[in-house]
Structures are given as structure tokens and as C-alpha cells.
PDB file of N, CA and C in Angstrom:
ATOM      1  N   MET A   1      10.075  -1.489   6.670  1.00  0.00           N
ATOM      2  CA  MET A   1       9.229  -2.363   8.029  1.00  0.00           C
ATOM      3  C   MET A   1       9.109  -3.222   8.355  1.00  0.00           C
ATOM      4  N   ARG A   2       9.810  -4.123   7.062  1.00  0.00           N
ATOM      5  CA  ARG A   2       8.796  -5.841   7.436  1.00  0.00           C
ATOM      6  C   ARG A   2      10.173  -6.351   7.447  1.00  0.00           C
ATOM      7  N   ALA A   3      11.537  -6.025   7.503  1.00  0.00           N
ATOM      8  CA  ALA A   3      12.379  -6.099   7.830  1.00  0.00           C
ATOM      9  C   ALA A   3      12.233  -6.444   9.873  1.00  0.00           C
ATOM     10  N   VAL A   4      11.962  -4.863  10.496  1.00  0.00           N
ATOM     11  CA  VAL A   4      11.909  -5.148  11.545  1.00  0.00           C
ATOM     12  C   VAL A   4      11.041  -6.258  12.157  1.00  0.00           C
ATOM     13  N   VAL A   5       9.664  -5.920  10.922  1.00  0.00           N
ATOM     14  CA  VAL A   5       8.960  -6.960  11.849  1.00  0.00           C
ATOM     15  C   VAL A   5       9.382  -8.995  12.063  1.00  0.00           C
ATOM     16  N   GLY A   6      11.242  -8.988  10.623  1.00  0.00           N
ATOM     17  CA  GLY A   6      11.141 -10.324  10.635  1.00  0.00           C
ATOM     18  C   GLY A   6      12.456 -10.054  11.549  1.00  0.00           C
ATOM     19  N   ALA A   7      12.514  -9.571  12.277  1.00  0.00           N
ATOM     20  CA  ALA A   7      13.414  -9.604  12.964  1.00  0.00           C
ATOM     21  C   ALA A   7      13.082  -9.463  14.970  1.00  0.00           C
ATOM     22  N   GLY A   8      11.859  -9.706  14.547  1.00  0.00           N
ATOM     23  CA  GLY A   8      10.701  -9.742  15.673  1.00  0.00           C
ATOM     24  C   GLY A   8      11.124  -8.654  16.268  1.00  0.00           C
ATOM     25  N   GLU A   9      11.114  -7.352  16.215  1.00  0.00           N
ATOM     26  CA  GLU A   9      11.918  -6.348  16.998  1.00  0.00           C
ATOM     27  C   GLU A   9      10.211  -5.555  16.976  1.00  0.00           C
ATOM     28  N   GLY A  10       9.189  -5.837  15.699  1.00  0.00           N
ATOM     29  CA  GLY A  10       7.912  -5.073  15.886  1.00  0.00           C
ATOM     30  C   GLY A  10       6.421  -5.765  14.925  1.00  0.00           C
ATOM     31  N   VAL A  11       5.645  -5.043  14.963  1.00  0.00           N
ATOM     32  CA  VAL A  11       4.541  -5.360  14.093  1.00  0.00           C
ATOM     33  C   VAL A  11       4.321  -4.101  13.103  1.00  0.00           C
ATOM     34  N   PHE A  12       3.510  -4.228  12.116  1.00  0.00           N
ATOM     35  CA  PHE A  12       2.446  -3.035  10.931  1.00  0.00           C
ATOM     36  C   PHE A  12       1.867  -3.476  10.520  1.00  0.00           C
ATOM     37  N   PRO A  13       0.487  -3.068  10.740  1.00  0.00           N
ATOM     38  CA  PRO A  13      -0.987  -3.287  10.102  1.00  0.00           C
ATOM     39  C   PRO A  13       0.072  -2.793   8.064  1.00  0.00           C
ATOM     40  N   VAL A  14      -0.560  -3.890   7.210  1.00  0.00           N
ATOM     41  CA  VAL A  14      -0.609  -3.834   5.731  1.00  0.00           C
ATOM     42  C   VAL A  14      -1.660  -3.599   5.606  1.00  0.00           C
ATOM     43  N   GLY A  15      -1.581  -3.349   4.239  1.00  0.00           N
ATOM     44  CA  GLY A  15      -3.187  -3.992   3.560  1.00  0.00           C
ATOM     45  C   GLY A  15      -2.638  -6.066   2.800  1.00  0.00           C
ATOM     46  N   ALA A  16      -4.547  -6.809   2.909  1.00  0.00           N
ATOM     47  CA  ALA A  16      -4.161  -7.767   2.333  1.00  0.00           C
ATOM     48  C   ALA A  16      -3.567  -8.159   0.917  1.00  0.00           C
ATOM     49  N   GLN A  17      -2.734  -7.036   0.411  1.00  0.00           N
ATOM     50  CA  GLN A  17      -2.262  -8.279  -0.588  1.00  0.00           C
ATOM     51  C   GLN A  17      -0.338  -7.624  -0.699  1.00  0.00           C
ATOM     52  N   THR A  18      -0.604  -6.881   0.351  1.00  0.00           N
ATOM     53  CA  THR A  18       0.941  -7.765   1.010  1.00  0.00           C
ATOM     54  C   THR A  18       1.567  -9.128   0.690  1.00  0.00           C
ATOM     55  N   ARG A  19       0.746  -9.599   1.125  1.00  0.00           N
ATOM     56  CA  ARG A  19       1.303 -11.379   1.468  1.00  0.00           C
ATOM     57  C   ARG A  19       0.851 -11.935  -0.252  1.00  0.00           C
ATOM     58  N   ARG A  20       0.263 -11.362  -0.425  1.00  0.00           N
ATOM     59  CA  ARG A  20       0.986 -11.722  -2.019  1.00  0.00           C
ATOM     60  C   ARG A  20       1.912 -11.341  -2.523  1.00  0.00           C
ATOM     61  N   TYR A  21       2.105  -9.994  -2.475  1.00  0.00           N
ATOM     62  CA  TYR A  21       3.548  -9.139  -3.008  1.00  0.00           C
ATOM     63  C   TYR A  21       5.170  -9.141  -2.427  1.00  0.00           C
ATOM     64  N   TYR A  22       4.784  -8.818  -0.985  1.00  0.00           N
ATOM     65  CA  TYR A  22       6.035  -9.483  -0.743  1.00  0.00           C
ATOM     66  C   TYR A  22       5.512  -9.767   0.434  1.00  0.00           C
ATOM     67  N   ALA A  23       5.254 -11.873   0.395  1.00  0.00           N
ATOM     68  CA  ALA A  23       5.601 -12.331   1.081  1.00  0.00           C
ATOM     69  C   ALA A  23       7.065 -13.216   1.527  1.00  0.00           C
ATOM     70  N   ARG A  24       7.364 -13.018   3.067  1.00  0.00           N
ATOM     71  CA  ARG A  24       8.231 -13.267   3.201  1.00  0.00           C
ATOM     72  C   ARG A  24       8.414 -14.602   4.720  1.00  0.00           C
ATOM     73  N   PRO A  25       9.570 -15.427   4.819  1.00  0.00           N
ATOM     74  CA  PRO A  25       8.716 -16.460   5.966  1.00  0.00           C
ATOM     75  C   PRO A  25       9.294 -16.264   7.653  1.00  0.00           C
ATOM     76  N   ASP A  26      10.248 -15.118   7.300  1.00  0.00           N
ATOM     77  CA  ASP A  26      10.054 -14.856   8.605  1.00  0.00           C
ATOM     78  C   ASP A  26       8.650 -14.027   9.312  1.00  0.00           C
ATOM     79  N   VAL A  27       7.840 -13.263   8.564  1.00  0.00           N
ATOM     80  CA  VAL A  27       7.033 -12.095   8.737  1.00  0.00           C
ATOM     81  C   VAL A  27       5.472 -13.137   9.081  1.00  0.00           C
ATOM     82  N   ALA A  28       4.748 -13.215   9.826  1.00  0.00           N
ATOM     83  CA  ALA A  28       3.326 -13.856   9.459  1.00  0.00           C
ATOM     84  C   ALA A  28       2.376 -12.701   9.449  1.00  0.00           C
ATOM     85  N   HIS A  29       1.573 -12.978   8.309  1.00  0.00           N
ATOM     86  CA  HIS A  29       0.146 -12.570   8.450  1.00  0.00           C
ATOM     87  C   HIS A  29      -0.506 -12.442   8.894  1.00  0.00           C
ATOM     88  N   VAL A  30      -1.667 -11.644  10.065  1.00  0.00           N
ATOM     89  CA  VAL A  30      -3.282 -12.234  10.468  1.00  0.00           C
ATOM     90  C   VAL A  30      -4.115 -11.471   9.934  1.00  0.00           C
ATOM     91  N   VAL A  31      -4.566 -12.482   9.754  1.00  0.00           N
ATOM     92  CA  VAL A  31      -5.678 -10.924   9.010  1.00  0.00           C
ATOM     93  C   VAL A  31      -7.035 -10.338   9.826  1.00  0.00           C
ATOM     94  N   LEU A  32      -7.613  -9.495  10.222  1.00  0.00           N
ATOM     95  CA  LEU A  32      -7.999  -7.918  10.894  1.00  0.00           C
ATOM     96  C   LEU A  32      -8.974  -8.247  11.026  1.00  0.00           C
ATOM     97  N   ARG A  33     -10.306  -9.517  10.943  1.00  0.00           N
ATOM     98  CA  ARG A  33     -11.417  -9.414  10.544  1.00  0.00           C
ATOM     99  C   ARG A  33     -12.399  -8.210  10.459  1.00  0.00           C
ATOM    100  N   ASP A  34     -12.464  -7.737  12.341  1.00  0.00           N
ATOM    101  CA  ASP A  34     -13.015  -6.281  12.146  1.00  0.00           C
ATOM    102  C   ASP A  34     -12.826  -5.403  12.218  1.00  0.00           C
ATOM    103  N   ALA A  35     -11.490  -4.872  10.963  1.00  0.00           N
ATOM    104  CA  ALA A  35     -10.967  -3.896  11.124  1.00  0.00           C
ATOM    105  C   ALA A  35     -12.103  -3.051   9.531  1.00  0.00           C
ATOM    106  N   PRO A  36     -11.929  -1.968   9.639  1.00  0.00           N
ATOM    107  CA  PRO A  36     -12.356  -0.893   8.597  1.00  0.00           C
ATOM    108  C   PRO A  36     -11.375  -1.045   7.505  1.00  0.00           C
ATOM    109  N   PRO A  37     -11.519  -1.818   6.184  1.00  0.00           N
ATOM    110  CA  PRO A  37     -10.970  -1.676   5.111  1.00  0.00           C
ATOM    111  C   PRO A  37     -10.062  -0.197   4.746  1.00  0.00           C
ATOM    112  N   VAL A  38      -8.734  -0.687   4.140  1.00  0.00           N
ATOM    113  CA  VAL A  38      -7.800   0.272   3.896  1.00  0.00           C
ATOM    114  C   VAL A  38      -7.902   0.865   2.967  1.00  0.00           C
ATOM    115  N   GLU A  39      -8.743   2.278   2.770  1.00  0.00           N
ATOM    116  CA  GLU A  39      -7.736   3.237   1.815  1.00  0.00           C
ATOM    117  C   GLU A  39      -6.931   3.326   1.241  1.00  0.00           C
ATOM    118  N   TRP A  40      -6.836   3.473  -0.311  1.00  0.00           N
ATOM    119  CA  TRP A  40      -5.220   4.137  -0.962  1.00  0.00           C
ATOM    120  C   TRP A  40      -5.202   5.172  -1.641  1.00  0.00           C
ATOM    121  N   GLY A  41      -3.982   5.851  -1.538  1.00  0.00           N
ATOM    122  CA  GLY A  41      -3.524   7.226  -2.189  1.00  0.00           C
ATOM    123  C   GLY A  41      -2.782   6.765  -2.529  1.00  0.00           C
ATOM    124  N   LEU A  42      -2.204   7.524  -3.862  1.00  0.00           N
ATOM    125  CA  LEU A  42      -1.806   8.572  -4.474  1.00  0.00           C
ATOM    126  C   LEU A  42      -0.921  10.063  -3.864  1.00  0.00           C
ATOM    127  N   LEU A  43       0.611   9.528  -3.246  1.00  0.00           N
ATOM    128  CA  LEU A  43       1.603  10.472  -2.600  1.00  0.00           C
ATOM    129  C   LEU A  43       2.534  10.803  -3.497  1.00  0.00           C
ATOM    130  N   TRP A  44       2.694  12.153  -3.613  1.00  0.00           N
ATOM    131  CA  TRP A  44       4.173  13.144  -3.794  1.00  0.00           C
ATOM    132  C   TRP A  44       5.117  14.034  -3.573  1.00  0.00           C
ATOM    133  N   ARG A  45       6.286  14.327  -3.859  1.00  0.00           N
ATOM    134  CA  ARG A  45       7.180  15.188  -2.745  1.00  0.00           C
ATOM    135  C   ARG A  45       6.330  16.366  -3.782  1.00  0.00           C
ATOM    136  N   ALA A  46       6.082  18.038  -2.961  1.00  0.00           N
ATOM    137  CA  ALA A  46       5.827  18.166  -3.688  1.00  0.00           C
ATOM    138  C   ALA A  46       5.795  19.593  -5.057  1.00  0.00           C
ATOM    139  N   ASP A  47       7.487  19.390  -4.599  1.00  0.00           N
ATOM    140  CA  ASP A  47       8.369  19.842  -6.119  1.00  0.00           C
ATOM    141  C   ASP A  47       8.296  18.509  -6.703  1.00  0.00           C
ATOM    142  N   GLY A  48       7.481  17.231  -6.507  1.00  0.00           N
ATOM    143  CA  GLY A  48       8.169  16.477  -7.854  1.00  0.00           C
ATOM    144  C   GLY A  48       6.913  16.263  -9.207  1.00  0.00           C
ATOM    145  N   ALA A  49       5.948  17.518  -8.686  1.00  0.00           N
ATOM    146  CA  ALA A  49       4.459  16.823  -9.728  1.00  0.00           C
ATOM    147  C   ALA A  49       5.576  17.387 -10.834  1.00  0.00           C
ATOM    148  N   THR A  50       5.661  16.597 -11.751  1.00  0.00           N
ATOM    149  CA  THR A  50       6.409  16.781 -12.826  1.00  0.00           C
ATOM    150  C   THR A  50       4.599  16.303 -13.574  1.00  0.00           C
ATOM    151  N   ALA A  51       4.690  17.254 -15.424  1.00  0.00           N
ATOM    152  CA  ALA A  51       3.832  16.824 -15.637  1.00  0.00           C
ATOM    153  C   ALA A  51       3.787  14.670 -15.753  1.00  0.00           C
ATOM    154  N   ARG A  52       4.843  14.133 -15.678  1.00  0.00           N
ATOM    155  CA  ARG A  52       4.169  12.838 -16.124  1.00  0.00           C
ATOM    156  C   ARG A  52       3.705  12.323 -14.720  1.00  0.00           C
ATOM    157  N   VAL A  53       3.848  13.141 -13.383  1.00  0.00           N
ATOM    158  CA  VAL A  53       3.625  12.788 -12.495  1.00  0.00           C
ATOM    159  C   VAL A  53       2.203  12.597 -12.374  1.00  0.00           C
ATOM    160  N   LEU A  54       1.700  14.273 -12.529  1.00  0.00           N
ATOM    161  CA  LEU A  54       0.292  14.131 -12.640  1.00  0.00           C
ATOM    162  C   LEU A  54      -0.329  14.199 -13.937  1.00  0.00           C
ATOM    163  N   ALA A  55      -0.413  13.458 -15.164  1.00  0.00           N
ATOM    164  CA  ALA A  55      -0.842  12.847 -15.762  1.00  0.00           C
ATOM    165  C   ALA A  55      -1.238  11.217 -15.580  1.00  0.00           C
ATOM    166  N   PHE A  56       0.161  10.732 -14.395  1.00  0.00           N
ATOM    167  CA  PHE A  56       0.036   8.786 -14.137  1.00  0.00           C
ATOM    168  C   PHE A  56      -0.846   8.876 -12.958  1.00  0.00           C
ATOM    169  N   GLY A  57      -0.442  10.109 -11.973  1.00  0.00           N
ATOM    170  CA  GLY A  57      -2.250  10.369 -11.120  1.00  0.00           C
ATOM    171  C   GLY A  57      -3.714  10.756 -12.283  1.00  0.00           C
ATOM    172  N   ARG A  58      -3.782  11.934 -12.749  1.00  0.00           N
ATOM    173  CA  ARG A  58      -5.324  11.328 -13.417  1.00  0.00           C
ATOM    174  C   ARG A  58      -5.847  10.028 -14.564  1.00  0.00           C
ATOM    175  N   ALA A  59      -5.000   8.968 -15.099  1.00  0.00           N
ATOM    176  CA  ALA A  59      -4.922   8.051 -14.975  1.00  0.00           C
ATOM    177  C   ALA A  59      -5.103   7.326 -14.317  1.00  0.00           C
ATOM    178  N   ALA A  60      -4.382   6.892 -13.451  1.00  0.00           N
ATOM    179  CA  ALA A  60      -5.011   6.330 -11.657  1.00  0.00           C
ATOM    180  C   ALA A  60      -6.460   6.890 -11.380  1.00  0.00           C
ATOM    181  N   HIS A  61      -6.451   8.250 -11.379  1.00  0.00           N
ATOM    182  CA  HIS A  61      -7.393   8.489 -10.992  1.00  0.00           C
ATOM    183  C   HIS A  61      -8.898   7.964 -11.691  1.00  0.00           C
ATOM    184  N   ASP A  62      -8.752   8.415 -13.025  1.00  0.00           N
ATOM    185  CA  ASP A  62      -9.765   7.318 -14.402  1.00  0.00           C
ATOM    186  C   ASP A  62     -10.306   6.269 -14.526  1.00  0.00           C
ATOM    187  N   LEU A  63      -9.037   5.565 -13.306  1.00  0.00           N
ATOM    188  CA  LEU A  63      -9.431   3.489 -13.736  1.00  0.00           C
ATOM    189  C   LEU A  63     -10.545   3.202 -12.393  1.00  0.00           C
ATOM    190  N   VAL A  64     -10.001   4.385 -11.496  1.00  0.00           N
ATOM    191  CA  VAL A  64     -10.572   3.749 -10.401  1.00  0.00           C
ATOM    192  C   VAL A  64     -12.221   3.760 -10.518  1.00  0.00           C
ATOM    193  N   ARG A  65     -11.984   5.775 -10.964  1.00  0.00           N
ATOM    194  CA  ARG A  65     -13.609   6.538 -10.939  1.00  0.00           C
ATOM    195  C   ARG A  65     -13.903   5.430 -12.191  1.00  0.00           C
ATOM    196  N   ASP A  66     -13.294   4.519 -12.740  1.00  0.00           N
ATOM    197  CA  ASP A  66     -14.477   3.746 -14.084  1.00  0.00           C
ATOM    198  C   ASP A  66     -14.928   3.008 -13.548  1.00  0.00           C
ATOM    199  N   ARG A  67     -13.797   2.128 -12.809  1.00  0.00           N
ATOM    200  CA  ARG A  67     -14.312   0.603 -12.092  1.00  0.00           C
ATOM    201  C   ARG A  67     -16.054   0.899 -11.182  1.00  0.00           C
ATOM    202  N   ALA A  68     -15.733   2.411 -10.809  1.00  0.00           N
ATOM    203  CA  ALA A  68     -16.522   2.656  -9.228  1.00  0.00           C
ATOM    204  C   ALA A  68     -18.323   2.703  -9.826  1.00  0.00           C
TER     205      ALA A  68
END
């Protein structure tokens, strides 16, 4: 998506951290101050729910829960 935006072919809403981790000189980030906060979640293919993936999901959930 960033390549499309950088080529002047579109716009795409992203979370604030995108500016820090995926900065590009050809893409401008405009803060939408009146927009609701972005909520994140994990997802994976239904047939890819391995023990390792599920353990990661549980660990991520526990980390977020413990910070709330």
C-alpha cells in the first residue's frame, strides 16, 4: 500500500506508529485528530493455527491484559 501511496495513486489510513517504523520520503503522514483510535488485533489463517501461533496469541493477550 505504501508503494501505491508513494506513487501518487492513492491514500490509506494507518496507525500513528507507521510513521516511525515505515517512514518513506515519498509519503506524507497527516494526523487525523478527530478520528477514533485504531484498535489492533492478531489474525492468522484458520489452517495455520499451530501450537506456536496459538502460544504467541496467548502471550500477546496476556501482555495486553496485564497492562490494562
